[in-house]
């Protein structure tokens, strides 16, 4: 290091120390500000803990991307799916037909002048894929609740619903005519239902097909809904008609408290009546086949029994007459009987003087022809048992074609529910065909076995009569006794 460079270094060091007093006060100021902020935050949090209150937001997210802290789904089953009413939505609440989807473990007061933790307005978006009716019901303790809320069961509805559906939402405040496609609804809950406390929210879908709910927010005032996605705040400003006439509303104390609404048991419940009605036009021929199968089975059950083929009173009377040797009486009884056995015995006794082979053969042919007639009359039941499953399968194929047509039309709008619901309806025709075919097969073989059993009785009785007439001594022409005498004479001669 030379002497020339030493002054340069000394000058730089001096300038550095001369700038130090300017930097150090700035660092001290920053540290003081940070310490003050930390103390302030600690004091504010301590005050909040001591007073037992939290920060009170003007807008409360009941559901948009997640459910509130502490809330839970009924039966522990989540109803949240990916997607939503817009391309920006992350997820939404999906509810199948007649499912119990309820968000419970809430405690949110609804008041006219909301205070801390209290709200008045609600906005939500809903859609109904297929069917008409959809509902959103608030579960509440109903402690001193307003009569308006009881009248409508704290329920918003859309669509009239099917009148013959026993699970239709009969009581509710209709807010829109239809929810075909995502519909935004904004309501003044206090004007609709009065003072009450929300303990849960139940999402109702009582009819076939499914429903969706999304972007559910509570607010203290209308202006707090400005930032809610897709919300039209002007809807909340519209006057809500006082259907019950506020001057005629009875005192709350005079009304007995209703029992708390409890979520129904979770599970898959099938309304078979509604499913059969939803089977489509292919159910019409299946209905006709079922009616014809029942009619033929009942008719053959009556006219192919013992009385029509081999009546026991006829057998007893003929046997008594034959034992007494009164062949004319036996013939008269058979002539007046229209059964299969009566016609065969009538021919046999009427021509008893003829040869045994010819008479017995003809009588057997008469009985066999009559038995074939009885069998032919139950044959349509066998045809129905084969035709019903084929018609049901045809209906399923047609329904599957329509199902995939819906998927091609709507795409992913309804999720897999569109395809699954359409397929379930299509399979109804196959189920109906099998329901018709199984009893038809059973009825056919039952009647056939019954007829063949009576045919065996006819055959046995004809053999008995032939034996009495031609093979036993004392027959009508004495042929049996002559054959016996001849045999005895020949034996003595031998």
Protein backbone atom coordinates (compact mmCIF):
# COMPACT_ATOMS: atom_id res chain seq x y z
CA UNK A 1 0.00 0.00 0.00
CA UNK A 2 1.45 3.33 -1.02
CA UNK A 3 1.25 6.62 0.67
CA UNK A 4 -0.93 7.95 -2.19
CA UNK A 5 -3.69 5.44 -1.61
CA UNK A 6 -3.86 5.91 2.17
CA UNK A 7 -5.54 9.37 2.07
CA UNK A 8 -8.20 8.03 -0.32
CA UNK A 9 -9.13 5.23 2.10
CA UNK A 10 -9.16 7.59 5.03
CA UNK A 11 -11.52 9.94 3.17
CA UNK A 12 -14.01 7.11 2.39
CA UNK A 13 -13.98 5.93 6.02
CA UNK A 14 -14.64 9.42 7.28
CA UNK A 15 -17.60 9.87 4.93
CA UNK A 16 -19.04 6.53 6.09
CA UNK A 17 -18.93 7.50 9.76
CA UNK A 18 -20.30 10.89 8.98
CA UNK A 19 -23.45 9.21 7.42
CA UNK A 20 -24.05 6.92 10.41
CA UNK A 21 -25.92 9.47 12.57
CA UNK A 22 -28.48 9.87 9.71
CA UNK A 23 -29.23 6.02 9.42
CA UNK A 24 -29.41 5.10 13.11
CA UNK A 25 -32.40 7.33 14.07
CA UNK A 26 -34.49 5.82 11.22
CA UNK A 27 -33.94 2.24 12.45
CA UNK A 28 -34.89 3.26 15.99
CA UNK A 29 -38.12 4.82 14.73
CA UNK A 30 -39.11 1.65 12.83
CA UNK A 31 -38.51 -0.58 15.84
CA UNK A 32 -40.60 1.73 18.02
CA UNK A 33 -43.50 1.64 15.57
CA UNK A 34 -43.42 -2.18 15.34
CA UNK A 35 -43.39 -2.49 19.12
CA UNK A 36 -46.36 -0.12 19.41
CA UNK A 37 -48.35 -2.15 16.88
CA UNK A 38 -47.63 -5.42 18.70
CA UNK A 39 -48.76 -3.93 22.00
CA UNK A 40 -51.94 -2.56 20.40
CA UNK A 41 -52.84 -5.91 18.84
CA UNK A 42 -52.24 -7.69 22.13
CA UNK A 43 -54.44 -5.21 24.00
CA UNK A 44 -57.26 -5.48 21.42
CA UNK A 45 -57.20 -9.28 21.53
CA UNK A 46 -57.17 -9.21 25.33
CA UNK A 47 -60.21 -6.94 25.28
CA UNK A 48 -62.01 -9.26 22.88
CA UNK A 49 -61.30 -12.30 25.04
CA UNK A 50 -62.36 -10.51 28.18
CA UNK A 51 -65.64 -9.33 26.66
CA UNK A 52 -66.35 -12.72 25.01
CA UNK A 53 -67.04 -11.17 21.59
CA UNK A 54 -65.54 -11.57 18.15
CA UNK A 55 -65.27 -9.27 15.21
CA UNK A 56 -68.72 -8.98 13.73
CA UNK A 57 -68.74 -9.18 9.90
CA UNK A 58 -71.55 -7.46 8.05
CA UNK A 59 -71.81 -10.39 5.62
CA UNK A 60 -71.67 -14.03 6.74
CA UNK A 61 -70.73 -16.85 4.36
CA UNK A 62 -73.14 -19.71 5.03
CA UNK A 63 -71.78 -21.55 1.99
CA UNK A 64 -69.67 -20.48 -0.94
CA UNK A 65 -66.50 -22.53 -0.92
CA UNK A 66 -66.91 -24.23 2.47
CA UNK A 67 -69.32 -24.55 5.36
CA UNK A 68 -68.90 -22.35 8.49
CA UNK A 69 -66.58 -23.39 11.30
CA UNK A 70 -68.38 -25.68 13.72
CA UNK A 71 -71.18 -26.54 11.28
CA UNK A 72 -71.64 -30.11 10.10
CA UNK A 73 -73.68 -32.09 7.59
CA UNK A 74 -76.50 -34.35 8.70
CA UNK A 75 -75.44 -37.95 9.26
CA UNK A 76 -71.85 -36.84 8.69
CA UNK A 77 -72.28 -37.08 4.91
CA UNK A 78 -70.94 -34.29 2.71
CA UNK A 79 -73.08 -32.98 -0.13
CA UNK A 80 -70.40 -30.70 -1.64
CA UNK A 81 -69.37 -31.30 -5.26
CA UNK A 82 -66.97 -29.65 -7.65
CA UNK A 83 -68.41 -27.05 -10.00
CA UNK A 84 -71.14 -24.51 -9.41
CA UNK A 85 -73.41 -21.95 -10.98
CA UNK A 86 -70.59 -20.18 -12.81
CA UNK A 87 -67.25 -21.01 -14.35
CA UNK A 88 -65.48 -19.29 -11.44
CA UNK A 89 -67.31 -21.34 -8.77
CA UNK A 90 -65.21 -23.97 -7.01
CA UNK A 91 -67.99 -26.16 -5.64
CA UNK A 92 -71.69 -26.29 -4.83
CA UNK A 93 -74.19 -28.27 -2.75
CA UNK A 94 -75.66 -31.21 -4.67
CA UNK A 95 -78.88 -32.87 -3.47
CA UNK A 96 -80.48 -35.95 -5.05
CA UNK A 97 -84.20 -36.67 -5.11
CA UNK A 98 -85.62 -36.98 -1.59
CA UNK A 99 -82.21 -36.88 0.09
CA UNK A 100 -81.81 -35.48 3.60
CA UNK A 101 -79.21 -32.76 3.08
CA UNK A 102 -79.05 -30.53 6.14
CA UNK A 103 -76.37 -28.21 7.49
CA UNK A 104 -76.67 -28.31 11.28
CA UNK A 105 -74.98 -27.04 14.47
CA UNK A 106 -75.63 -23.35 13.70
CA UNK A 107 -76.88 -20.52 15.92
CA UNK A 108 -77.63 -17.40 13.89
CA UNK A 109 -80.35 -14.97 15.11
CA UNK A 110 -82.48 -13.16 12.53
CA UNK A 111 -83.68 -9.74 13.76
CA UNK A 112 -85.21 -6.55 12.38
CA UNK A 113 -82.30 -4.46 13.61
CA UNK A 114 -79.34 -6.85 13.60
CA UNK A 115 -76.78 -6.49 16.34
CA UNK A 116 -73.56 -8.35 16.91
CA UNK A 117 -73.76 -11.82 15.32
CA UNK A 118 -77.31 -11.16 14.01
CA UNK A 119 -78.51 -10.89 10.41
CA UNK A 120 -81.59 -10.04 8.39
CA UNK A 121 -81.07 -10.63 4.65
CA UNK A 122 -80.11 -13.74 2.67
CA UNK A 123 -78.98 -14.35 -0.88
CA UNK A 124 -78.49 -17.72 -2.54
CA UNK A 125 -78.44 -19.43 -5.93
CA UNK A 126 -80.33 -22.64 -6.72
CA UNK A 127 -81.21 -24.86 -9.68
CA UNK A 128 -83.55 -27.82 -10.27
CA UNK A 129 -82.59 -30.37 -12.93
CA UNK A 130 -85.86 -32.05 -13.94
CA UNK A 131 -89.10 -31.96 -11.97
CA UNK A 132 -90.39 -28.64 -10.68
CA UNK A 133 -90.15 -28.17 -6.91
CA UNK A 134 -87.15 -27.22 -4.82
CA UNK A 135 -86.90 -25.80 -1.30
CA UNK A 136 -84.60 -24.25 1.28
CA UNK A 137 -85.77 -24.65 4.90
CA UNK A 138 -84.35 -23.05 8.03
CA UNK A 139 -84.22 -25.30 11.06
CA UNK A 140 -85.02 -23.33 14.22
CA UNK A 141 -85.71 -23.76 17.90
CA UNK A 142 -88.92 -21.76 17.37
CA UNK A 143 -88.68 -20.23 20.81
CA UNK A 144 -91.21 -17.43 20.73
CA UNK A 145 -90.98 -17.36 16.94
CA UNK A 146 -93.25 -15.22 14.80
CA UNK A 147 -96.44 -16.79 13.46
CA UNK A 148 -95.38 -16.02 9.90
CA UNK A 149 -92.45 -18.38 10.17
CA UNK A 150 -94.63 -21.18 11.48
CA UNK A 151 -97.12 -20.73 8.68
CA UNK A 152 -94.47 -21.17 6.01
CA UNK A 153 -92.37 -23.60 8.08
CA UNK A 154 -89.43 -21.23 7.54
CA UNK A 155 -89.15 -22.55 3.98
CA UNK A 156 -88.50 -20.88 0.63
CA UNK A 157 -89.81 -22.85 -2.35
CA UNK A 158 -89.73 -22.70 -6.13
CA UNK A 159 -92.20 -24.53 -8.37
CA UNK A 160 -95.64 -25.92 -7.51
CA UNK A 161 -94.56 -29.56 -7.29
CA UNK A 162 -96.47 -32.63 -8.40
CA UNK A 163 -99.93 -32.63 -6.73
CA UNK A 164 -99.98 -36.41 -6.27
CA UNK A 165 -96.53 -36.50 -4.66
CA UNK A 166 -97.00 -37.15 -0.91
CA UNK A 167 -93.54 -35.73 -0.22
CA UNK A 168 -94.26 -32.42 -1.97
CA UNK A 169 -93.47 -29.29 0.05
CA UNK A 170 -97.02 -28.32 0.93
CA UNK A 171 -96.16 -25.37 3.21
CA UNK A 172 -93.62 -22.82 2.12
CA UNK A 173 -93.15 -19.31 0.79
CA UNK A 174 -92.88 -19.44 -3.01
CA UNK A 175 -90.22 -16.96 -4.12
CA UNK A 176 -89.85 -17.88 -7.81
CA UNK A 177 -92.04 -19.80 -10.25
CA UNK A 178 -89.30 -22.09 -11.53
CA UNK A 179 -85.66 -22.86 -10.82
CA UNK A 180 -84.81 -24.18 -14.27
CA UNK A 181 -81.24 -23.02 -14.63
CA UNK A 182 -79.33 -21.24 -11.86
CA UNK A 183 -81.59 -18.59 -10.28
CA UNK A 184 -80.42 -15.92 -7.81
CA UNK A 185 -82.76 -15.25 -4.89
CA UNK A 186 -82.37 -12.40 -2.39
CA UNK A 187 -84.85 -12.16 0.49
CA UNK A 188 -85.57 -10.19 3.64
CA UNK A 189 -85.83 -13.06 6.14
CA UNK A 190 -87.25 -10.87 8.88
CA UNK A 191 -90.13 -9.66 6.70
CA UNK A 192 -90.78 -13.22 5.55
CA UNK A 193 -90.60 -15.08 8.86
CA UNK A 194 -90.14 -12.58 11.71
CA UNK A 195 -87.69 -13.09 14.57
CA UNK A 196 -86.14 -16.55 14.78
CA UNK A 197 -82.79 -18.28 15.28
CA UNK A 198 -81.28 -20.42 12.55
CA UNK A 199 -80.00 -23.71 13.98
CA UNK A 200 -79.59 -25.39 10.60
CA UNK A 201 -80.40 -25.20 6.90
CA UNK A 202 -82.13 -28.05 5.07
CA UNK A 203 -81.89 -28.35 1.29
CA UNK A 204 -85.06 -29.94 -0.11
CA UNK A 205 -85.50 -31.86 -3.34
CA UNK A 206 -88.74 -33.86 -2.95
CA UNK A 207 -89.20 -34.84 -6.59
CA UNK A 208 -87.30 -36.89 -9.11
CA UNK A 209 -84.03 -35.56 -10.51
CA UNK A 210 -81.57 -33.49 -8.53
CA UNK A 211 -80.92 -29.94 -7.36
CA UNK A 212 -78.01 -27.62 -6.66
CA UNK A 213 -77.40 -24.75 -4.18
CA UNK A 214 -74.56 -22.25 -4.15
CA UNK A 215 -73.36 -18.82 -2.91
CA UNK A 216 -75.42 -18.62 0.29
CA UNK A 217 -74.71 -15.41 2.23
CA UNK A 218 -76.36 -13.69 5.19
CA UNK A 219 -76.18 -9.91 5.62
CA UNK A 220 -77.18 -7.22 8.07
CA UNK A 221 -78.37 -4.76 5.40
CA UNK A 222 -79.02 -4.66 1.68
CA UNK A 223 -75.85 -2.72 0.99
CA UNK A 224 -73.81 -5.55 2.50
CA UNK A 225 -74.90 -7.80 -0.36
CA UNK A 226 -73.26 -5.71 -3.06
CA UNK A 227 -70.15 -7.88 -3.20
CA UNK A 228 -71.98 -11.22 -3.23
CA UNK A 229 -71.38 -12.99 -6.57
CA UNK A 230 -74.22 -12.60 -9.00
CA UNK A 231 -76.57 -11.02 -6.47
CA UNK A 232 -79.15 -8.44 -7.47
CA UNK A 233 -79.62 -6.37 -4.29
CA UNK A 234 -82.69 -4.65 -5.72
CA UNK A 235 -84.64 -7.83 -5.14
CA UNK A 236 -84.33 -7.37 -1.41
CA UNK A 237 -85.68 -3.84 -1.67
CA UNK A 238 -88.96 -4.99 -3.25
CA UNK A 239 -91.86 -4.92 -0.80
CA UNK A 240 -92.78 -8.42 0.33
CA UNK A 241 -96.58 -8.88 0.53
CA UNK A 242 -97.78 -9.55 4.06
CA UNK A 243 -99.89 -12.60 3.27
CA UNK A 244 -101.01 -13.10 6.83
CA UNK A 245 -102.01 -9.44 7.42
CA UNK A 246 -99.81 -8.28 10.27
CA UNK A 247 -102.80 -6.81 12.12
CA UNK A 248 -104.51 -10.21 12.28
CA UNK A 249 -101.50 -12.20 13.39
CA UNK A 250 -102.31 -13.80 16.76
CA UNK A 251 -100.02 -13.42 19.71
CA UNK A 252 -97.18 -15.85 19.80
CA UNK A 253 -97.99 -16.83 23.34
CA UNK A 254 -101.42 -18.10 22.26
CA UNK A 255 -99.97 -20.58 19.81
CA UNK A 256 -98.62 -23.86 21.14
CA UNK A 257 -94.97 -24.32 20.19
CA UNK A 258 -94.37 -26.68 17.33
CA UNK A 259 -91.98 -29.57 17.92
CA UNK A 260 -88.47 -28.94 16.63
CA UNK A 261 -87.80 -30.04 13.09
CA UNK A 262 -85.45 -32.97 13.11
CA UNK A 263 -83.64 -34.15 10.00
CA UNK A 264 -85.13 -37.29 8.56
CA UNK A 265 -83.16 -40.49 8.64
CA UNK A 266 -80.58 -40.63 5.92
CA UNK A 267 -80.94 -43.38 3.38
CA UNK A 268 -82.09 -44.30 -0.08
CA UNK A 269 -85.87 -44.36 -0.31
CA UNK A 270 -87.57 -45.25 -3.57
CA UNK A 271 -91.07 -44.15 -4.41
CA UNK A 272 -92.07 -47.08 -6.63
CA UNK A 273 -95.34 -45.47 -7.65
CA UNK A 274 -93.55 -42.40 -8.98
CA UNK A 275 -90.87 -44.54 -10.61
CA UNK A 276 -93.45 -46.65 -12.45
CA UNK A 277 -95.22 -43.51 -13.64
CA UNK A 278 -91.89 -42.22 -14.92
CA UNK A 279 -91.27 -45.39 -16.94
CA UNK A 280 -92.51 -43.81 -20.16
CA UNK A 281 -94.77 -44.97 -22.97
CA UNK A 282 -93.35 -48.51 -22.95
CA UNK A 283 -95.15 -49.07 -19.67
CA UNK A 284 -98.51 -49.05 -21.52
CA UNK A 285 -98.10 -52.47 -23.24
CA UNK A 286 -96.65 -53.84 -20.02
CA UNK A 287 -99.76 -52.68 -18.15
CA UNK A 288 -101.91 -54.46 -20.75
CA UNK A 289 -99.90 -57.67 -20.50
CA UNK A 290 -100.20 -57.63 -16.73
CA UNK A 291 -103.98 -57.20 -16.91
CA UNK A 292 -104.36 -60.01 -19.47
CA UNK A 293 -102.13 -62.37 -17.45
CA UNK A 294 -104.14 -61.76 -14.27
CA UNK A 295 -107.47 -62.20 -16.09
CA UNK A 296 -106.45 -65.48 -17.76
CA UNK A 297 -104.96 -66.86 -14.55
CA UNK A 298 -108.10 -66.16 -12.55
CA UNK A 299 -110.39 -67.52 -15.27
CA UNK A 300 -108.39 -70.74 -15.70
CA UNK A 301 -108.06 -71.14 -11.96
CA UNK A 302 -111.84 -71.32 -11.80
CA UNK A 303 -112.60 -73.37 -14.94
CA UNK A 304 -109.74 -75.88 -14.99
CA UNK A 305 -110.17 -77.39 -11.56
CA UNK A 306 -111.62 -80.65 -10.35
CA UNK A 307 -115.22 -79.67 -11.13
CA UNK A 308 -114.39 -79.02 -14.79
CA UNK A 309 -112.28 -82.12 -15.48
CA UNK A 310 -112.84 -84.95 -12.97
CA UNK A 311 -115.49 -84.07 -10.36
CA UNK A 312 -115.37 -86.28 -7.31
CA UNK A 313 -119.21 -86.56 -6.95
CA UNK A 314 -119.41 -88.01 -10.49
CA UNK A 315 -116.72 -90.58 -9.69
CA UNK A 316 -118.50 -91.66 -6.51
CA UNK A 317 -121.90 -91.96 -8.20
CA UNK A 318 -120.59 -93.96 -11.18
CA UNK A 319 -118.67 -96.36 -8.91
CA UNK A 320 -121.77 -96.96 -6.79
CA UNK A 321 -123.87 -97.67 -9.89
CA UNK A 322 -121.26 -100.03 -11.33
CA UNK A 323 -120.96 -101.94 -8.08
CA UNK A 324 -124.77 -102.33 -8.04
CA UNK A 325 -124.73 -103.39 -11.70
CA UNK A 326 -126.97 -100.46 -12.66
CA UNK A 327 -125.22 -99.48 -15.89
CA UNK A 328 -128.16 -97.46 -17.18
CA UNK A 329 -128.04 -95.21 -14.11
CA UNK A 330 -124.30 -94.72 -14.53
CA UNK A 331 -124.84 -93.77 -18.16
CA UNK A 332 -127.62 -91.32 -17.24
CA UNK A 333 -125.40 -89.60 -14.65
CA UNK A 334 -122.54 -89.20 -17.14
CA UNK A 335 -124.88 -87.88 -19.84
CA UNK A 336 -125.93 -84.99 -17.59
CA UNK A 337 -122.33 -84.08 -16.64
CA UNK A 338 -120.34 -81.65 -18.87
CA UNK A 339 -116.90 -82.39 -17.42
CA UNK A 340 -114.09 -84.11 -19.30
CA UNK A 341 -114.60 -87.35 -17.38
CA UNK A 342 -118.38 -87.16 -17.83
CA UNK A 343 -118.13 -86.94 -21.64
CA UNK A 344 -115.61 -89.78 -21.88
CA UNK A 345 -117.64 -92.10 -19.59
CA UNK A 346 -120.85 -91.22 -21.39
CA UNK A 347 -119.37 -92.48 -24.68
CA UNK A 348 -117.91 -95.53 -22.98
CA UNK A 349 -121.15 -96.58 -21.29
CA UNK A 350 -123.33 -95.74 -24.28
CA UNK A 351 -121.30 -98.09 -26.51
CA UNK A 352 -120.50 -100.70 -23.88
CA UNK A 353 -121.86 -103.49 -26.07
CA UNK A 354 -119.20 -102.79 -28.71
CA UNK A 355 -115.65 -104.10 -28.70
CA UNK A 356 -113.40 -103.14 -25.82
CA UNK A 357 -110.47 -101.90 -27.91
CA UNK A 358 -112.55 -99.55 -30.07
CA UNK A 359 -114.61 -98.14 -27.22
CA UNK A 360 -111.71 -97.58 -24.81
CA UNK A 361 -109.58 -96.02 -27.56
CA UNK A 362 -112.30 -93.54 -28.54
CA UNK A 363 -113.10 -92.62 -24.94
CA UNK A 364 -109.41 -91.98 -24.31
CA UNK A 365 -109.25 -89.75 -27.40
CA UNK A 366 -112.23 -87.71 -26.16
CA UNK A 367 -110.55 -87.15 -22.78
CA UNK A 368 -107.16 -86.32 -24.34
CA UNK A 369 -108.72 -83.79 -26.72
CA UNK A 370 -110.49 -82.07 -23.84
CA UNK A 371 -107.25 -81.94 -21.79
CA UNK A 372 -105.41 -80.37 -24.73
CA UNK A 373 -108.13 -77.73 -24.90
CA UNK A 374 -107.57 -76.84 -21.24
CA UNK A 375 -103.80 -76.64 -21.81
CA UNK A 376 -104.21 -74.41 -24.86
CA UNK A 377 -106.24 -71.91 -22.84
CA UNK A 378 -103.36 -71.32 -20.41
CA UNK A 379 -100.74 -71.09 -23.17
CA UNK A 380 -101.16 -67.25 -23.50
CA UNK A 381 -99.79 -66.93 -19.96
CA UNK A 382 -96.58 -68.61 -21.16
CA UNK A 383 -96.40 -66.18 -24.08
CA UNK A 384 -96.81 -63.20 -21.71
CA UNK A 385 -94.05 -64.52 -19.46
CA UNK A 386 -91.68 -64.51 -22.45
CA UNK A 387 -92.89 -61.26 -24.03
CA UNK A 388 -92.90 -59.03 -20.92
CA UNK A 389 -89.10 -59.10 -20.31
CA UNK A 390 -88.46 -58.39 -23.99
CA UNK A 391 -90.75 -55.35 -23.94
CA UNK A 392 -89.09 -54.20 -20.72
CA UNK A 393 -85.66 -54.55 -22.32
CA UNK A 394 -86.85 -52.58 -25.34
CA UNK A 395 -88.05 -49.80 -23.05
CA UNK A 396 -84.67 -49.75 -21.32
CA UNK A 397 -82.84 -49.44 -24.62
CA UNK A 398 -85.08 -46.55 -25.66
CA UNK A 399 -84.53 -44.90 -22.26
CA UNK A 400 -80.77 -45.31 -22.56
CA UNK A 401 -80.85 -43.60 -25.94
CA UNK A 402 -82.75 -40.70 -24.40
CA UNK A 403 -80.34 -40.60 -21.44
CA UNK A 404 -77.27 -40.24 -23.60
CA UNK A 405 -79.15 -37.67 -25.66
CA UNK A 406 -79.58 -35.59 -22.48
CA UNK A 407 -75.88 -35.91 -21.72
CA UNK A 408 -75.04 -34.72 -25.23
CA UNK A 409 -77.43 -31.79 -24.79
CA UNK A 410 -76.51 -30.60 -21.28
CA UNK A 411 -72.92 -31.80 -21.03
CA UNK A 412 -71.54 -31.51 -17.50
CA UNK A 413 -74.18 -29.05 -16.30
CA UNK A 414 -75.94 -31.62 -14.13
CA UNK A 415 -72.95 -33.84 -13.51
CA UNK A 416 -73.32 -37.57 -13.49
CA UNK A 417 -76.80 -37.17 -11.98
CA UNK A 418 -78.40 -36.59 -15.39
CA UNK A 419 -77.12 -39.90 -16.73
CA UNK A 420 -77.73 -41.89 -13.54
CA UNK A 421 -81.29 -40.64 -13.07
CA UNK A 422 -82.21 -41.24 -16.71
CA UNK A 423 -80.75 -44.74 -16.60
CA UNK A 424 -82.65 -45.52 -13.38
CA UNK A 425 -85.88 -44.50 -15.07
CA UNK A 426 -85.02 -46.53 -18.14
CA UNK A 427 -84.40 -49.64 -16.06
CA UNK A 428 -87.89 -49.35 -14.62
CA UNK A 429 -89.33 -50.96 -17.76
CA UNK A 430 -87.03 -53.97 -17.40
CA UNK A 431 -87.97 -54.29 -13.75
CA UNK A 432 -91.66 -54.04 -14.67
CA UNK A 433 -91.25 -56.72 -17.34
CA UNK A 434 -89.62 -59.08 -14.84
CA UNK A 435 -92.27 -58.30 -12.23
CA UNK A 436 -94.91 -59.40 -14.75
CA UNK A 437 -92.98 -62.40 -16.09
CA UNK A 438 -92.10 -64.08 -12.79
CA UNK A 439 -95.70 -64.47 -11.53
CA UNK A 440 -96.84 -65.39 -15.06
CA UNK A 441 -94.36 -68.26 -15.25
CA UNK A 442 -95.42 -69.44 -11.80
CA UNK A 443 -99.11 -69.25 -12.73
CA UNK A 444 -98.56 -71.13 -16.01
CA UNK A 445 -96.79 -74.10 -14.43
CA UNK A 446 -99.16 -74.14 -11.49
CA UNK A 447 -102.19 -74.38 -13.78
CA UNK A 448 -100.47 -76.86 -16.08
CA UNK A 449 -99.58 -79.14 -13.18
CA UNK A 450 -103.14 -78.88 -11.92
CA UNK A 451 -104.61 -79.85 -15.30
CA UNK A 452 -102.20 -82.76 -15.77
CA UNK A 453 -103.04 -84.00 -12.29
CA UNK A 454 -106.75 -84.05 -13.18
CA UNK A 455 -105.89 -85.78 -16.48
CA UNK A 456 -104.29 -88.61 -14.49
CA UNK A 457 -107.51 -89.00 -12.50
CA UNK A 458 -109.55 -89.18 -15.73
CA UNK A 459 -107.22 -91.85 -17.11
CA UNK A 460 -107.43 -93.91 -13.93
CA UNK A 461 -111.23 -93.73 -13.82
CA UNK A 462 -111.59 -94.75 -17.49
CA UNK A 463 -109.36 -97.78 -16.86
CA UNK A 464 -111.48 -98.73 -13.88
CA UNK A 465 -114.73 -98.54 -15.85
CA UNK A 466 -113.26 -100.53 -18.77
CA UNK A 467 -112.15 -103.19 -16.31
CA UNK A 468 -115.61 -103.40 -14.76
CA UNK A 469 -117.38 -103.56 -18.14
CA UNK A 470 -115.14 -105.99 -20.02
CA UNK A 471 -112.82 -107.88 -17.71
CA UNK A 472 -114.77 -108.64 -14.57
CA UNK A 473 -117.48 -111.38 -14.31
CA UNK A 474 -121.03 -110.06 -14.40
CA UNK A 475 -120.34 -107.44 -17.05
CA UNK A 476 -123.23 -105.94 -19.03
CA UNK A 477 -123.06 -108.58 -21.77
CA UNK A 478 -121.85 -111.49 -19.56
CA UNK A 479 -118.72 -111.77 -21.67
CA UNK A 480 -116.48 -111.84 -18.68
CA UNK A 481 -118.37 -114.82 -17.09
CA UNK A 482 -118.44 -116.75 -20.38
CA UNK A 483 -114.71 -116.39 -20.85
CA UNK A 484 -114.19 -117.65 -17.31
CA UNK A 485 -116.47 -120.69 -17.78
CA UNK A 486 -114.80 -121.61 -21.05
CA UNK A 487 -111.41 -121.48 -19.41
CA UNK A 488 -112.57 -123.74 -16.57
CA UNK A 489 -114.09 -126.32 -19.01
CA UNK A 490 -110.94 -126.46 -21.03
CA UNK A 491 -108.97 -127.08 -17.88
CA UNK A 492 -111.10 -130.06 -16.87
CA UNK A 493 -110.85 -131.49 -20.34
CA UNK A 494 -107.12 -131.32 -20.15
